[in-house]
Protein backbone atom coordinates (compact mmCIF):
# COMPACT_ATOMS: atom_id res chain seq x y z
CA MET A 1 1.82 17.14 -20.84
CA GLU A 2 2.54 14.31 -18.12
CA ASN A 3 6.49 14.37 -16.83
CA SER A 4 7.20 10.56 -16.91
CA THR A 5 10.10 8.15 -17.98
CA PRO A 6 9.88 6.73 -21.37
CA ARG A 7 9.24 2.75 -21.57
CA PRO A 8 10.68 0.55 -23.86
CA VAL A 9 8.06 -0.67 -26.40
CA ASP A 10 8.10 -4.29 -25.87
CA PRO A 11 6.82 -5.33 -22.91
CA ALA A 12 8.24 -8.48 -22.19
CA LEU A 13 11.86 -6.43 -22.42
CA ASP A 14 10.42 -3.82 -20.04
CA GLN A 15 9.28 -7.00 -17.37
CA VAL A 16 12.63 -8.19 -17.65
CA LEU A 17 14.63 -5.00 -17.17
CA ARG A 18 12.31 -4.55 -13.85
CA ASP A 19 13.44 -7.81 -12.67
CA THR A 20 15.07 -7.02 -9.44
CA GLU A 21 15.75 -10.73 -9.13
CA LEU A 22 17.68 -11.19 -11.92
CA VAL A 23 21.25 -10.20 -12.60
CA PRO A 24 22.63 -8.02 -15.09
CA SER A 25 24.46 -10.83 -16.53
CA ALA A 26 20.99 -12.50 -17.18
CA ARG A 27 19.29 -9.67 -18.40
CA LEU A 28 22.36 -9.16 -21.07
CA VAL A 29 21.80 -13.09 -22.36
CA TRP A 30 18.25 -12.79 -22.22
CA ILE A 31 18.17 -9.85 -24.48
CA HIS A 32 20.67 -10.99 -26.77
CA LEU A 33 18.64 -14.20 -27.19
CA ARG A 34 15.43 -12.04 -27.81
CA ASN A 35 17.38 -10.46 -30.68
CA ARG A 36 17.94 -14.03 -32.00
CA PRO A 37 14.67 -16.01 -32.70
CA SER A 38 16.44 -18.62 -34.07
CA GLY A 39 18.51 -19.35 -30.86
CA GLN A 40 21.96 -20.03 -29.92
CA ARG A 41 24.49 -22.38 -27.92
CA LYS A 42 25.96 -21.21 -24.72
CA ALA A 43 29.51 -21.61 -26.48
CA THR A 44 28.13 -18.95 -29.32
CA ILE A 45 26.72 -16.69 -26.54
CA VAL A 46 29.87 -16.55 -24.70
CA ARG A 47 31.55 -15.58 -27.80
CA ALA A 48 29.45 -13.01 -28.88
CA LEU A 49 29.05 -11.26 -25.35
CA GLY A 50 32.72 -11.57 -24.71
CA VAL A 51 32.14 -12.73 -21.26
CA ASP A 52 33.49 -15.93 -19.34
CA LYS A 53 31.28 -19.30 -19.79
CA ALA A 54 30.73 -19.58 -16.16
CA VAL A 55 28.58 -15.93 -16.20
CA VAL A 56 26.73 -17.40 -19.47
CA TYR A 57 25.93 -20.47 -17.58
CA ARG A 58 24.97 -18.85 -14.17
CA ALA A 59 22.74 -16.70 -16.37
CA ILE A 60 21.07 -19.47 -18.19
CA LYS A 61 20.44 -21.64 -14.87
CA ALA A 62 18.89 -18.16 -13.49
CA LEU A 63 16.76 -17.51 -16.64
CA ALA A 64 15.59 -21.34 -16.89
CA GLU A 65 14.56 -21.32 -13.22
CA ARG A 66 11.94 -18.42 -14.08
CA GLY A 67 11.09 -19.75 -17.31
CA LEU A 68 12.39 -17.10 -19.37
CA VAL A 69 14.56 -19.40 -21.49
CA CYS A 70 13.97 -22.49 -23.52
CA ASP A 71 16.65 -25.29 -24.51
CA GLU A 72 15.89 -27.39 -27.10
CA ASP A 73 18.81 -29.78 -27.98
CA GLY A 74 21.47 -27.31 -26.74
CA VAL A 75 19.86 -24.33 -28.47
CA TRP A 76 18.46 -21.84 -26.02
CA THR A 77 15.91 -18.97 -26.98
CA ALA A 78 14.36 -16.41 -25.02
CA VAL A 79 10.78 -16.82 -24.19
CA ALA A 80 8.42 -13.60 -22.80
CA PRO A 81 7.74 -13.60 -19.31
CA LYS A 82 4.39 -14.37 -18.10
CA GLU A 83 2.26 -11.07 -17.60
CA GLU A 84 2.26 -9.41 -14.53
CA GLY A 85 -1.22 -8.94 -12.51
């Protein structure tokens, strides 16, 4: 049997976790939103994660620049990354 590191079942999650250009707080916000398909407002994310609002705002900005979140009337949802390759 091959000795390899287990990988997450969700390829989108795997890709986001391996994205070295994303800071850990951005990964955390993306995972949080991924688990809430109906999306959340920034203030709700701040309360849910217990972090400063500036952290969430910077994370959302970084995720939006990479096309990993979508804003609809102030409600943010996670978007699966484009497939590598």
